[in-house]
N, C-alpha and C. Protein backbone atom coordinates (compact mmCIF):
# COMPACT_ATOMS: atom_id res chain seq x y z
N MET A 1 -10.21 71.70 2.51
CA MET A 1 -8.95 71.74 3.22
C MET A 1 -7.96 72.62 2.48
N ALA A 2 -7.31 73.53 3.22
CA ALA A 2 -6.27 74.40 2.68
C ALA A 2 -4.94 74.01 3.26
N CYS A 3 -3.97 73.70 2.39
CA CYS A 3 -2.61 73.40 2.83
C CYS A 3 -1.74 74.62 2.58
N GLY A 4 -0.74 74.84 3.42
CA GLY A 4 0.14 76.00 3.18
C GLY A 4 1.13 76.18 4.31
N SER A 5 1.98 77.17 4.14
CA SER A 5 2.99 77.48 5.14
C SER A 5 2.38 78.15 6.36
N PHE A 6 1.47 79.10 6.13
CA PHE A 6 0.83 79.87 7.19
C PHE A 6 1.89 80.47 8.13
N SER A 7 2.83 81.17 7.50
CA SER A 7 3.97 81.74 8.24
C SER A 7 4.10 83.24 8.01
N PRO A 8 3.26 84.04 8.68
CA PRO A 8 2.18 83.66 9.60
C PRO A 8 0.83 83.53 8.89
N ILE A 9 -0.13 82.96 9.56
CA ILE A 9 -1.49 82.92 9.05
C ILE A 9 -2.06 84.33 9.04
N THR A 10 -2.77 84.68 7.99
CA THR A 10 -3.31 86.06 7.84
C THR A 10 -4.83 86.02 7.72
N ILE A 11 -5.43 87.20 7.73
CA ILE A 11 -6.85 87.30 7.51
C ILE A 11 -7.24 86.73 6.15
N MET A 12 -6.36 86.86 5.17
CA MET A 12 -6.63 86.33 3.81
C MET A 12 -6.82 84.81 3.88
N HIS A 13 -6.00 84.11 4.64
CA HIS A 13 -6.13 82.64 4.72
C HIS A 13 -7.51 82.28 5.27
N LEU A 14 -7.98 83.00 6.27
CA LEU A 14 -9.29 82.71 6.86
C LEU A 14 -10.41 83.07 5.89
N ARG A 15 -10.27 84.18 5.19
CA ARG A 15 -11.28 84.59 4.21
C ARG A 15 -11.37 83.60 3.07
N LEU A 16 -10.26 82.97 2.73
CA LEU A 16 -10.24 81.95 1.67
C LEU A 16 -11.29 80.87 1.96
N LEU A 17 -11.30 80.38 3.20
CA LEU A 17 -12.26 79.34 3.55
C LEU A 17 -13.65 79.89 3.70
N GLU A 18 -13.82 81.11 4.20
CA GLU A 18 -15.16 81.69 4.33
C GLU A 18 -15.81 81.89 2.98
N MET A 19 -15.03 82.35 1.99
CA MET A 19 -15.59 82.53 0.65
C MET A 19 -15.96 81.21 0.02
N CYS A 20 -15.18 80.18 0.29
CA CYS A 20 -15.50 78.85 -0.25
C CYS A 20 -16.80 78.32 0.36
N LYS A 21 -16.98 78.55 1.65
CA LYS A 21 -18.21 78.10 2.31
C LYS A 21 -19.43 78.79 1.71
N ASP A 22 -19.32 80.10 1.50
CA ASP A 22 -20.45 80.83 0.87
C ASP A 22 -20.76 80.24 -0.48
N TYR A 23 -19.73 79.94 -1.24
CA TYR A 23 -19.92 79.41 -2.59
C TYR A 23 -20.63 78.04 -2.56
N PHE A 24 -20.13 77.16 -1.73
CA PHE A 24 -20.69 75.79 -1.71
C PHE A 24 -22.06 75.78 -1.05
N ASP A 25 -22.27 76.60 -0.05
CA ASP A 25 -23.60 76.71 0.57
C ASP A 25 -24.63 77.14 -0.48
N SER A 26 -24.26 78.11 -1.30
CA SER A 26 -25.19 78.63 -2.30
C SER A 26 -25.39 77.72 -3.47
N ASN A 27 -24.57 76.67 -3.57
CA ASN A 27 -24.67 75.73 -4.67
C ASN A 27 -25.19 74.36 -4.22
N GLY A 28 -25.84 74.34 -3.05
CA GLY A 28 -26.54 73.13 -2.61
C GLY A 28 -25.73 72.13 -1.86
N TYR A 29 -24.51 72.47 -1.48
CA TYR A 29 -23.68 71.54 -0.69
C TYR A 29 -23.92 71.78 0.77
N GLU A 30 -23.60 70.78 1.59
CA GLU A 30 -23.58 70.93 3.03
C GLU A 30 -22.12 70.91 3.47
N VAL A 31 -21.65 72.06 3.94
CA VAL A 31 -20.25 72.15 4.38
C VAL A 31 -20.16 71.82 5.87
N ILE A 32 -19.42 70.77 6.19
CA ILE A 32 -19.39 70.33 7.61
C ILE A 32 -18.15 70.86 8.33
N GLY A 33 -17.16 71.38 7.58
CA GLY A 33 -15.99 71.90 8.25
C GLY A 33 -14.95 72.42 7.26
N GLY A 34 -14.14 73.32 7.71
CA GLY A 34 -13.01 73.83 6.94
C GLY A 34 -11.74 73.55 7.74
N TYR A 35 -10.70 73.10 7.08
CA TYR A 35 -9.49 72.71 7.79
C TYR A 35 -8.25 73.36 7.16
N LEU A 36 -7.35 73.80 8.04
CA LEU A 36 -6.04 74.31 7.63
C LEU A 36 -4.99 73.26 7.98
N SER A 37 -4.06 73.03 7.07
CA SER A 37 -3.04 72.02 7.30
C SER A 37 -1.66 72.67 7.07
N PRO A 38 -1.05 73.16 8.15
CA PRO A 38 0.31 73.78 8.01
C PRO A 38 1.34 72.72 7.61
N VAL A 39 2.24 73.10 6.69
CA VAL A 39 3.27 72.18 6.21
C VAL A 39 4.26 71.89 7.35
N GLY A 40 4.99 70.80 7.23
CA GLY A 40 6.01 70.46 8.21
C GLY A 40 7.29 71.22 7.99
N ASP A 41 8.22 71.11 8.91
CA ASP A 41 9.48 71.84 8.84
C ASP A 41 10.36 71.45 7.67
N ALA A 42 10.18 70.22 7.16
CA ALA A 42 11.01 69.75 6.05
C ALA A 42 10.78 70.51 4.76
N TYR A 43 9.72 71.29 4.69
CA TYR A 43 9.44 72.09 3.49
C TYR A 43 10.52 73.09 3.21
N GLN A 44 11.13 73.64 4.30
CA GLN A 44 12.31 74.48 4.21
C GLN A 44 12.15 75.68 3.29
N LYS A 45 10.99 76.33 3.37
CA LYS A 45 10.73 77.54 2.59
C LYS A 45 11.31 78.73 3.36
N LYS A 46 11.79 79.73 2.61
CA LYS A 46 12.31 80.94 3.24
C LYS A 46 11.21 81.60 4.09
N GLY A 47 11.57 82.00 5.31
CA GLY A 47 10.62 82.67 6.18
C GLY A 47 9.74 81.71 6.97
N LEU A 48 10.04 80.41 6.91
CA LEU A 48 9.22 79.40 7.58
C LEU A 48 9.73 79.20 9.00
N VAL A 49 8.97 79.68 9.98
CA VAL A 49 9.29 79.38 11.37
C VAL A 49 8.88 77.95 11.65
N ASN A 50 9.25 77.43 12.81
CA ASN A 50 9.01 76.00 13.07
C ASN A 50 7.51 75.70 13.08
N ALA A 51 7.20 74.41 12.81
CA ALA A 51 5.82 73.98 12.66
C ALA A 51 5.01 74.19 13.95
N VAL A 52 5.63 74.02 15.08
CA VAL A 52 4.92 74.20 16.35
C VAL A 52 4.35 75.61 16.44
N ASP A 53 5.17 76.61 16.11
CA ASP A 53 4.68 77.99 16.16
C ASP A 53 3.61 78.25 15.12
N ARG A 54 3.76 77.70 13.91
CA ARG A 54 2.77 77.92 12.87
C ARG A 54 1.45 77.25 13.18
N VAL A 55 1.51 76.09 13.78
CA VAL A 55 0.29 75.41 14.20
C VAL A 55 -0.38 76.19 15.35
N ASN A 56 0.43 76.66 16.30
CA ASN A 56 -0.12 77.44 17.42
C ASN A 56 -0.79 78.71 16.92
N MET A 57 -0.15 79.40 15.96
CA MET A 57 -0.74 80.61 15.44
C MET A 57 -2.06 80.33 14.71
N SER A 58 -2.08 79.20 13.96
CA SER A 58 -3.30 78.81 13.25
C SER A 58 -4.45 78.47 14.19
N VAL A 59 -4.11 77.80 15.29
CA VAL A 59 -5.12 77.46 16.31
C VAL A 59 -5.67 78.74 16.94
N LEU A 60 -4.80 79.69 17.25
CA LEU A 60 -5.23 80.97 17.82
C LEU A 60 -6.15 81.72 16.83
N ALA A 61 -5.77 81.69 15.55
CA ALA A 61 -6.52 82.44 14.55
C ALA A 61 -7.93 81.88 14.36
N THR A 62 -8.09 80.55 14.56
CA THR A 62 -9.37 79.93 14.30
C THR A 62 -10.18 79.69 15.61
N HIS A 63 -9.68 80.19 16.70
CA HIS A 63 -10.31 79.96 18.01
C HIS A 63 -11.78 80.37 18.04
N ASP A 64 -12.11 81.49 17.39
CA ASP A 64 -13.47 82.00 17.46
C ASP A 64 -14.37 81.46 16.36
N SER A 65 -13.84 80.64 15.48
CA SER A 65 -14.63 80.07 14.41
C SER A 65 -15.41 78.84 14.85
N ASP A 66 -16.63 78.71 14.39
CA ASP A 66 -17.42 77.53 14.74
C ASP A 66 -17.34 76.45 13.68
N TRP A 67 -16.46 76.63 12.69
CA TRP A 67 -16.38 75.58 11.64
C TRP A 67 -14.97 75.40 11.06
N ILE A 68 -14.08 76.39 11.26
CA ILE A 68 -12.72 76.26 10.73
C ILE A 68 -11.81 75.68 11.82
N MET A 69 -11.05 74.66 11.46
CA MET A 69 -10.17 73.97 12.42
C MET A 69 -8.78 73.77 11.84
N VAL A 70 -7.89 73.26 12.66
CA VAL A 70 -6.50 73.04 12.24
C VAL A 70 -6.18 71.56 12.33
N ASP A 71 -5.66 70.98 11.25
CA ASP A 71 -5.23 69.59 11.25
C ASP A 71 -3.71 69.56 11.39
N THR A 72 -3.22 68.85 12.37
CA THR A 72 -1.79 68.89 12.70
C THR A 72 -0.97 67.75 12.10
N TRP A 73 -1.62 66.82 11.38
CA TRP A 73 -0.93 65.63 10.88
C TRP A 73 0.25 65.98 10.00
N GLU A 74 0.04 66.85 9.04
CA GLU A 74 1.12 67.23 8.09
C GLU A 74 2.24 67.96 8.82
N GLY A 75 1.87 68.88 9.68
CA GLY A 75 2.87 69.70 10.40
C GLY A 75 3.77 68.88 11.30
N ALA A 76 3.30 67.74 11.77
CA ALA A 76 4.08 66.91 12.67
C ALA A 76 5.06 65.98 11.94
N LYS A 77 4.95 65.91 10.60
CA LYS A 77 5.80 65.03 9.83
C LYS A 77 7.24 65.56 9.77
N THR A 78 8.21 64.68 9.88
CA THR A 78 9.62 65.08 9.79
C THR A 78 10.09 65.12 8.35
N LYS A 79 9.31 64.52 7.44
CA LYS A 79 9.63 64.55 6.01
C LYS A 79 8.56 65.34 5.27
N TRP A 80 8.96 65.93 4.14
CA TRP A 80 8.02 66.67 3.32
C TRP A 80 6.92 65.73 2.83
N THR A 81 5.66 66.20 2.92
CA THR A 81 4.52 65.38 2.54
C THR A 81 3.84 65.99 1.33
N PRO A 82 3.75 65.26 0.20
CA PRO A 82 3.04 65.76 -0.96
C PRO A 82 1.59 66.10 -0.64
N THR A 83 1.06 67.09 -1.29
CA THR A 83 -0.33 67.54 -1.06
C THR A 83 -1.31 66.42 -1.22
N ILE A 84 -1.14 65.59 -2.22
CA ILE A 84 -2.12 64.53 -2.47
C ILE A 84 -2.16 63.56 -1.29
N GLU A 85 -1.02 63.32 -0.64
CA GLU A 85 -1.01 62.41 0.53
C GLU A 85 -1.79 63.03 1.69
N VAL A 86 -1.69 64.35 1.83
CA VAL A 86 -2.44 65.03 2.89
C VAL A 86 -3.94 64.89 2.65
N LEU A 87 -4.36 65.09 1.41
CA LEU A 87 -5.76 64.96 1.07
C LEU A 87 -6.27 63.55 1.27
N GLN A 88 -5.46 62.57 0.87
CA GLN A 88 -5.87 61.17 1.05
C GLN A 88 -5.98 60.81 2.53
N HIS A 89 -5.01 61.28 3.32
CA HIS A 89 -5.06 61.02 4.77
C HIS A 89 -6.30 61.65 5.38
N PHE A 90 -6.55 62.89 5.05
CA PHE A 90 -7.65 63.60 5.66
C PHE A 90 -9.00 63.01 5.24
N SER A 91 -9.12 62.62 3.97
CA SER A 91 -10.35 62.00 3.51
C SER A 91 -10.64 60.73 4.30
N LYS A 92 -9.61 59.93 4.52
CA LYS A 92 -9.78 58.70 5.30
C LYS A 92 -10.22 59.00 6.72
N GLU A 93 -9.54 59.98 7.35
CA GLU A 93 -9.84 60.32 8.76
C GLU A 93 -11.24 60.87 8.92
N VAL A 94 -11.65 61.80 8.03
CA VAL A 94 -12.93 62.46 8.22
C VAL A 94 -14.08 61.50 7.91
N ASN A 95 -13.89 60.57 6.96
CA ASN A 95 -14.95 59.63 6.68
C ASN A 95 -15.07 58.58 7.77
N GLU A 96 -13.94 58.21 8.38
CA GLU A 96 -14.01 57.26 9.51
C GLU A 96 -14.65 57.91 10.73
N SER A 97 -14.64 59.23 10.79
CA SER A 97 -15.25 59.93 11.90
C SER A 97 -16.79 59.94 11.80
N TYR A 98 -17.31 59.64 10.62
CA TYR A 98 -18.75 59.61 10.37
C TYR A 98 -19.13 58.22 9.81
N PRO A 99 -18.94 57.16 10.58
CA PRO A 99 -19.15 55.80 10.06
C PRO A 99 -20.57 55.51 9.62
N ASN A 100 -21.54 56.24 10.17
CA ASN A 100 -22.95 55.98 9.82
C ASN A 100 -23.47 56.90 8.71
N ASN A 101 -22.57 57.70 8.16
CA ASN A 101 -22.98 58.60 7.07
C ASN A 101 -23.21 57.79 5.78
N LYS A 102 -24.36 57.90 5.18
CA LYS A 102 -24.69 57.09 4.02
C LYS A 102 -23.94 57.54 2.75
N ASN A 103 -23.51 58.80 2.74
CA ASN A 103 -22.74 59.31 1.60
C ASN A 103 -21.30 59.60 2.01
N LYS A 104 -20.37 59.34 1.10
CA LYS A 104 -18.98 59.65 1.38
C LYS A 104 -18.80 61.16 1.46
N ILE A 105 -18.08 61.61 2.47
CA ILE A 105 -17.79 63.04 2.63
C ILE A 105 -16.69 63.41 1.66
N GLN A 106 -16.94 64.44 0.87
CA GLN A 106 -15.97 64.86 -0.14
C GLN A 106 -15.02 65.91 0.45
N VAL A 107 -13.74 65.65 0.34
CA VAL A 107 -12.73 66.62 0.74
C VAL A 107 -12.29 67.38 -0.51
N ILE A 108 -12.35 68.70 -0.44
CA ILE A 108 -11.98 69.53 -1.59
C ILE A 108 -10.75 70.37 -1.23
N PHE A 109 -9.83 70.44 -2.15
CA PHE A 109 -8.59 71.20 -1.95
C PHE A 109 -8.85 72.68 -2.25
N VAL A 110 -8.61 73.53 -1.26
CA VAL A 110 -8.81 74.96 -1.39
C VAL A 110 -7.49 75.64 -1.63
N CYS A 111 -7.44 76.53 -2.61
CA CYS A 111 -6.19 77.23 -2.89
C CYS A 111 -6.48 78.56 -3.58
N GLY A 112 -5.43 79.38 -3.71
CA GLY A 112 -5.51 80.62 -4.46
C GLY A 112 -5.18 80.36 -5.93
N SER A 113 -5.54 81.30 -6.80
CA SER A 113 -5.31 81.09 -8.23
C SER A 113 -3.83 81.08 -8.56
N ASP A 114 -2.98 81.65 -7.68
CA ASP A 114 -1.54 81.57 -7.93
C ASP A 114 -1.04 80.14 -7.78
N LEU A 115 -1.61 79.38 -6.85
CA LEU A 115 -1.18 77.99 -6.71
C LEU A 115 -1.69 77.16 -7.92
N LEU A 116 -2.89 77.44 -8.39
CA LEU A 116 -3.36 76.73 -9.58
C LEU A 116 -2.43 76.97 -10.74
N ASP A 117 -1.95 78.18 -10.90
CA ASP A 117 -1.05 78.49 -12.01
C ASP A 117 0.28 77.76 -11.86
N SER A 118 0.64 77.40 -10.62
CA SER A 118 1.92 76.68 -10.44
C SER A 118 1.88 75.29 -11.04
N PHE A 119 0.66 74.76 -11.34
CA PHE A 119 0.54 73.49 -12.01
C PHE A 119 1.14 73.55 -13.42
N ASN A 120 1.31 74.77 -13.94
CA ASN A 120 1.86 74.96 -15.27
C ASN A 120 3.39 75.11 -15.29
N LYS A 121 4.01 75.08 -14.13
CA LYS A 121 5.46 75.22 -14.07
C LYS A 121 6.13 73.86 -14.27
N PRO A 122 6.94 73.70 -15.30
CA PRO A 122 7.51 72.38 -15.61
C PRO A 122 8.31 71.80 -14.45
N GLY A 123 8.03 70.54 -14.14
CA GLY A 123 8.79 69.84 -13.12
C GLY A 123 8.35 70.09 -11.68
N LEU A 124 7.44 71.04 -11.46
CA LEU A 124 7.05 71.37 -10.10
C LEU A 124 6.03 70.37 -9.52
N TRP A 125 5.10 69.96 -10.34
CA TRP A 125 4.07 69.00 -9.91
C TRP A 125 4.12 67.76 -10.82
N ALA A 126 3.95 66.62 -10.26
CA ALA A 126 3.83 65.38 -11.06
C ALA A 126 2.43 65.32 -11.66
N SER A 127 2.35 64.95 -12.91
CA SER A 127 1.05 64.89 -13.62
C SER A 127 0.06 63.96 -12.88
N GLU A 128 0.55 62.87 -12.33
CA GLU A 128 -0.35 61.95 -11.66
C GLU A 128 -0.90 62.57 -10.36
N ASP A 129 -0.11 63.42 -9.73
CA ASP A 129 -0.59 64.08 -8.52
C ASP A 129 -1.64 65.14 -8.87
N ILE A 130 -1.40 65.87 -9.98
CA ILE A 130 -2.39 66.85 -10.41
C ILE A 130 -3.75 66.17 -10.71
N GLN A 131 -3.69 65.03 -11.37
CA GLN A 131 -4.91 64.31 -11.69
C GLN A 131 -5.62 63.86 -10.40
N LYS A 132 -4.88 63.36 -9.44
CA LYS A 132 -5.48 62.88 -8.20
C LYS A 132 -6.08 64.04 -7.41
N ILE A 133 -5.39 65.20 -7.42
CA ILE A 133 -5.94 66.37 -6.74
C ILE A 133 -7.23 66.83 -7.41
N CYS A 134 -7.25 66.80 -8.75
CA CYS A 134 -8.46 67.14 -9.49
C CYS A 134 -9.60 66.19 -9.16
N ASP A 135 -9.30 64.90 -8.96
CA ASP A 135 -10.31 63.93 -8.62
C ASP A 135 -10.96 64.27 -7.28
N PHE A 136 -10.20 64.84 -6.36
CA PHE A 136 -10.80 65.32 -5.11
C PHE A 136 -11.70 66.49 -5.37
N GLY A 137 -11.26 67.40 -6.27
CA GLY A 137 -11.96 68.65 -6.53
C GLY A 137 -11.17 69.81 -5.99
N LEU A 138 -11.18 70.89 -6.72
CA LEU A 138 -10.47 72.11 -6.29
C LEU A 138 -11.44 73.29 -6.16
N ALA A 139 -11.24 74.08 -5.13
CA ALA A 139 -11.92 75.35 -4.97
C ALA A 139 -10.85 76.43 -5.09
N VAL A 140 -10.86 77.17 -6.17
CA VAL A 140 -9.79 78.13 -6.47
C VAL A 140 -10.32 79.55 -6.28
N VAL A 141 -9.76 80.27 -5.34
CA VAL A 141 -10.17 81.66 -5.06
C VAL A 141 -9.25 82.59 -5.85
N THR A 142 -9.85 83.49 -6.59
CA THR A 142 -9.08 84.40 -7.44
C THR A 142 -8.22 85.32 -6.60
N ARG A 143 -7.02 85.64 -7.10
CA ARG A 143 -6.13 86.58 -6.45
C ARG A 143 -5.67 87.60 -7.48
N GLU A 144 -5.28 88.76 -7.01
CA GLU A 144 -4.86 89.83 -7.89
C GLU A 144 -3.67 89.38 -8.74
N GLY A 145 -3.72 89.67 -10.05
CA GLY A 145 -2.60 89.36 -10.93
C GLY A 145 -2.56 87.95 -11.45
N ALA A 146 -3.58 87.13 -11.10
CA ALA A 146 -3.62 85.75 -11.60
C ALA A 146 -4.94 85.52 -12.32
N ASP A 147 -4.90 84.74 -13.39
CA ASP A 147 -6.07 84.44 -14.19
C ASP A 147 -6.30 82.94 -14.21
N PRO A 148 -7.13 82.41 -13.33
CA PRO A 148 -7.31 80.94 -13.24
C PRO A 148 -7.88 80.35 -14.51
N SER A 149 -8.73 81.07 -15.21
CA SER A 149 -9.30 80.54 -16.45
C SER A 149 -8.20 80.31 -17.48
N SER A 150 -7.25 81.22 -17.54
CA SER A 150 -6.11 81.10 -18.46
C SER A 150 -5.23 79.94 -18.03
N SER A 151 -5.03 79.76 -16.71
CA SER A 151 -4.24 78.65 -16.20
C SER A 151 -4.83 77.30 -16.65
N ILE A 152 -6.16 77.21 -16.55
CA ILE A 152 -6.82 75.98 -16.95
C ILE A 152 -6.70 75.76 -18.47
N TRP A 153 -6.89 76.81 -19.22
CA TRP A 153 -6.86 76.74 -20.68
C TRP A 153 -5.51 76.28 -21.19
N ARG A 154 -4.43 76.70 -20.51
CA ARG A 154 -3.07 76.41 -20.97
C ARG A 154 -2.57 75.04 -20.55
N ASN A 155 -3.33 74.35 -19.74
CA ASN A 155 -2.90 73.04 -19.24
C ASN A 155 -3.90 71.98 -19.66
N ASP A 156 -3.47 71.04 -20.49
CA ASP A 156 -4.38 70.00 -21.01
C ASP A 156 -5.03 69.22 -19.89
N LEU A 157 -4.26 68.90 -18.86
CA LEU A 157 -4.79 68.07 -17.77
C LEU A 157 -5.85 68.84 -17.00
N LEU A 158 -5.60 70.12 -16.71
CA LEU A 158 -6.59 70.92 -16.01
C LEU A 158 -7.83 71.14 -16.87
N TYR A 159 -7.60 71.32 -18.17
CA TYR A 159 -8.74 71.54 -19.07
C TYR A 159 -9.66 70.33 -19.11
N ILE A 160 -9.05 69.14 -19.17
CA ILE A 160 -9.85 67.91 -19.16
C ILE A 160 -10.66 67.78 -17.88
N ASN A 161 -10.10 68.28 -16.76
CA ASN A 161 -10.74 68.18 -15.45
C ASN A 161 -11.45 69.46 -15.04
N ARG A 162 -11.73 70.35 -15.99
CA ARG A 162 -12.23 71.68 -15.66
C ARG A 162 -13.55 71.66 -14.89
N THR A 163 -14.38 70.62 -15.06
CA THR A 163 -15.65 70.55 -14.33
C THR A 163 -15.46 70.25 -12.86
N LYS A 164 -14.25 69.84 -12.48
CA LYS A 164 -13.96 69.52 -11.08
C LYS A 164 -13.32 70.72 -10.37
N ILE A 165 -13.13 71.80 -11.11
CA ILE A 165 -12.49 73.01 -10.57
C ILE A 165 -13.50 74.11 -10.38
N HIS A 166 -13.72 74.52 -9.14
CA HIS A 166 -14.68 75.57 -8.82
C HIS A 166 -13.91 76.90 -8.72
N LEU A 167 -14.24 77.87 -9.56
CA LEU A 167 -13.59 79.17 -9.51
C LEU A 167 -14.45 80.12 -8.68
N ILE A 168 -13.86 80.68 -7.65
CA ILE A 168 -14.58 81.53 -6.69
C ILE A 168 -14.01 82.96 -6.75
N HIS A 169 -14.85 83.88 -7.10
CA HIS A 169 -14.42 85.27 -7.24
C HIS A 169 -14.46 86.00 -5.91
N GLN A 170 -13.39 86.74 -5.61
CA GLN A 170 -13.35 87.57 -4.40
C GLN A 170 -14.20 88.80 -4.62
N TRP A 171 -15.32 88.89 -3.93
CA TRP A 171 -16.17 90.07 -4.14
C TRP A 171 -15.61 91.30 -3.44
N ILE A 172 -14.72 91.09 -2.46
CA ILE A 172 -13.91 92.17 -1.90
C ILE A 172 -12.46 91.73 -2.01
N PRO A 173 -11.70 92.32 -2.95
CA PRO A 173 -10.31 91.87 -3.14
C PRO A 173 -9.49 91.96 -1.87
N ASN A 174 -8.72 90.92 -1.60
CA ASN A 174 -7.88 90.85 -0.42
C ASN A 174 -6.60 90.14 -0.81
N ASP A 175 -5.49 90.84 -0.82
CA ASP A 175 -4.26 90.26 -1.30
C ASP A 175 -3.17 90.35 -0.24
N ILE A 176 -3.57 90.11 1.03
CA ILE A 176 -2.59 90.13 2.11
C ILE A 176 -1.59 88.99 1.91
N SER A 177 -0.32 89.33 1.97
CA SER A 177 0.75 88.34 1.72
C SER A 177 1.53 88.08 2.99
N SER A 178 1.72 86.80 3.33
CA SER A 178 2.54 86.46 4.48
C SER A 178 3.97 86.96 4.31
N THR A 179 4.46 86.93 3.10
CA THR A 179 5.84 87.40 2.83
C THR A 179 5.96 88.87 3.17
N LEU A 180 4.99 89.68 2.74
CA LEU A 180 5.05 91.12 3.04
C LEU A 180 4.80 91.42 4.51
N VAL A 181 3.96 90.58 5.14
CA VAL A 181 3.75 90.74 6.58
C VAL A 181 5.05 90.50 7.34
N ARG A 182 5.78 89.45 6.97
CA ARG A 182 7.08 89.16 7.61
C ARG A 182 8.03 90.32 7.41
N LEU A 183 8.02 90.88 6.22
CA LEU A 183 8.91 92.01 5.92
C LEU A 183 8.55 93.20 6.82
N GLY A 184 7.26 93.46 6.95
CA GLY A 184 6.81 94.57 7.80
C GLY A 184 7.21 94.36 9.26
N ILE A 185 7.09 93.12 9.74
CA ILE A 185 7.50 92.82 11.12
C ILE A 185 8.98 93.07 11.32
N SER A 186 9.77 92.58 10.35
CA SER A 186 11.23 92.75 10.48
C SER A 186 11.65 94.19 10.45
N ARG A 187 10.82 95.06 9.86
CA ARG A 187 11.12 96.48 9.81
C ARG A 187 10.47 97.30 10.90
N GLY A 188 9.79 96.58 11.79
CA GLY A 188 9.17 97.26 12.93
C GLY A 188 7.89 98.00 12.57
N LEU A 189 7.23 97.64 11.46
CA LEU A 189 6.00 98.31 11.05
C LEU A 189 4.78 97.65 11.68
N SER A 190 3.69 98.37 11.72
CA SER A 190 2.45 97.85 12.30
C SER A 190 1.84 96.81 11.35
N ILE A 191 1.39 95.70 11.91
CA ILE A 191 0.68 94.68 11.14
C ILE A 191 -0.75 94.50 11.65
N LYS A 192 -1.20 95.47 12.44
CA LYS A 192 -2.55 95.39 12.99
C LYS A 192 -3.56 95.40 11.87
N TYR A 193 -4.59 94.57 12.02
CA TYR A 193 -5.71 94.38 11.07
C TYR A 193 -5.31 93.53 9.87
N LEU A 194 -4.05 93.11 9.78
CA LEU A 194 -3.66 92.16 8.74
C LEU A 194 -3.75 90.72 9.24
N LEU A 195 -3.55 90.56 10.55
CA LEU A 195 -3.63 89.26 11.21
C LEU A 195 -4.58 89.35 12.39
N PRO A 196 -5.12 88.23 12.87
CA PRO A 196 -5.91 88.27 14.09
C PRO A 196 -5.04 88.78 15.25
N ASN A 197 -5.62 89.55 16.16
CA ASN A 197 -4.88 90.12 17.27
C ASN A 197 -4.13 89.06 18.09
N SER A 198 -4.75 87.88 18.25
CA SER A 198 -4.12 86.83 19.02
C SER A 198 -2.83 86.34 18.38
N VAL A 199 -2.80 86.35 17.03
CA VAL A 199 -1.62 85.93 16.31
C VAL A 199 -0.54 87.02 16.40
N ILE A 200 -0.96 88.26 16.33
CA ILE A 200 -0.01 89.37 16.48
C ILE A 200 0.66 89.33 17.86
N ASP A 201 -0.13 89.06 18.89
CA ASP A 201 0.40 88.95 20.25
C ASP A 201 1.39 87.78 20.35
N TYR A 202 1.08 86.66 19.72
CA TYR A 202 1.94 85.49 19.74
C TYR A 202 3.28 85.81 19.07
N ILE A 203 3.22 86.45 17.93
CA ILE A 203 4.45 86.82 17.21
C ILE A 203 5.31 87.74 18.03
N ARG A 204 4.68 88.71 18.69
CA ARG A 204 5.44 89.64 19.53
C ARG A 204 6.06 88.94 20.74
N ASP A 205 5.25 88.09 21.38
CA ASP A 205 5.75 87.41 22.59
C ASP A 205 6.90 86.46 22.27
N LYS A 206 6.86 85.82 21.10
CA LYS A 206 7.89 84.86 20.69
C LYS A 206 9.05 85.52 19.95
N GLY A 207 8.87 86.78 19.55
CA GLY A 207 9.93 87.47 18.83
C GLY A 207 10.12 86.88 17.42
N LEU A 208 9.06 86.43 16.78
CA LEU A 208 9.19 85.79 15.48
C LEU A 208 9.40 86.81 14.34
N TYR A 209 10.13 86.40 13.33
CA TYR A 209 10.33 87.14 12.08
C TYR A 209 11.17 88.41 12.22
N ARG A 210 11.75 88.65 13.36
CA ARG A 210 12.53 89.89 13.55
C ARG A 210 13.84 89.86 12.78
N GLU A 211 14.38 88.69 12.53
CA GLU A 211 15.72 88.60 11.95
C GLU A 211 15.74 88.41 10.45
N GLU A 212 14.56 88.41 9.81
CA GLU A 212 14.53 88.05 8.39
C GLU A 212 15.32 88.98 7.48
N VAL A 213 15.24 90.29 7.73
CA VAL A 213 15.99 91.24 6.90
C VAL A 213 17.48 91.07 7.10
N GLU A 214 17.94 90.91 8.33
CA GLU A 214 19.35 90.74 8.61
C GLU A 214 19.88 89.47 7.96
N GLU A 215 19.08 88.39 8.04
CA GLU A 215 19.52 87.12 7.44
C GLU A 215 19.63 87.26 5.93
N ASP A 216 18.69 88.03 5.33
CA ASP A 216 18.71 88.24 3.91
C ASP A 216 19.94 89.02 3.47
N LYS A 217 20.31 90.01 4.29
CA LYS A 217 21.51 90.80 3.99
C LYS A 217 22.76 89.94 4.04
N LEU A 218 22.83 89.08 5.08
CA LEU A 218 23.99 88.22 5.22
C LEU A 218 24.13 87.22 4.08
N SER A 219 22.98 86.73 3.58
CA SER A 219 23.03 85.74 2.51
C SER A 219 23.52 86.34 1.20
N LYS A 220 23.47 87.67 1.06
CA LYS A 220 23.92 88.32 -0.15
C LYS A 220 25.36 88.75 -0.11
N LYS A 221 26.02 88.62 1.05
CA LYS A 221 27.42 89.05 1.17
C LYS A 221 28.34 88.00 0.57
């Protein structure tokens, strides 16, 4: 499961899950599904359009996939939901969906190496939440400019849990950023091939992200 803003969802977000599936398939796991969980509106991150639009874009982006889906539980929340609560909720839901399964289905948190490094920022994550997330297991996909091995080495808690962290190398580097995509949209630049065509059409039809540069200018006055 990958949690995030997805504002907007990009090809990189989809590749994140595809690379994880390749990794786990080749290491003897049976992958039954990949899930995207857009954050709710209470997250209040810059450039975050409303959850309904972000969920709709995510559903459009995964329409052609036979294994990637969108979970709407977090996005529907009116209050900010910690990542560990999302993982706990989803683990309960997915295991209840397979009542006759003799083995518990393991939910693994998928993220980029930049998010892993954020565990080292003082006060950003509670130590108990980091431990619980590690207990689920992490699949960390490398991103340009981030060194996940160093992030683990510098954090005692991550180092202790290092066997629960799967490092997945991008064999074709892809560093598409939602922030830069929004900037391109606001400047009237082409975003074709950065997002699925259905998502590009949705953004155009809804007029999303057009005002971001003007809002930024106003905030600096």
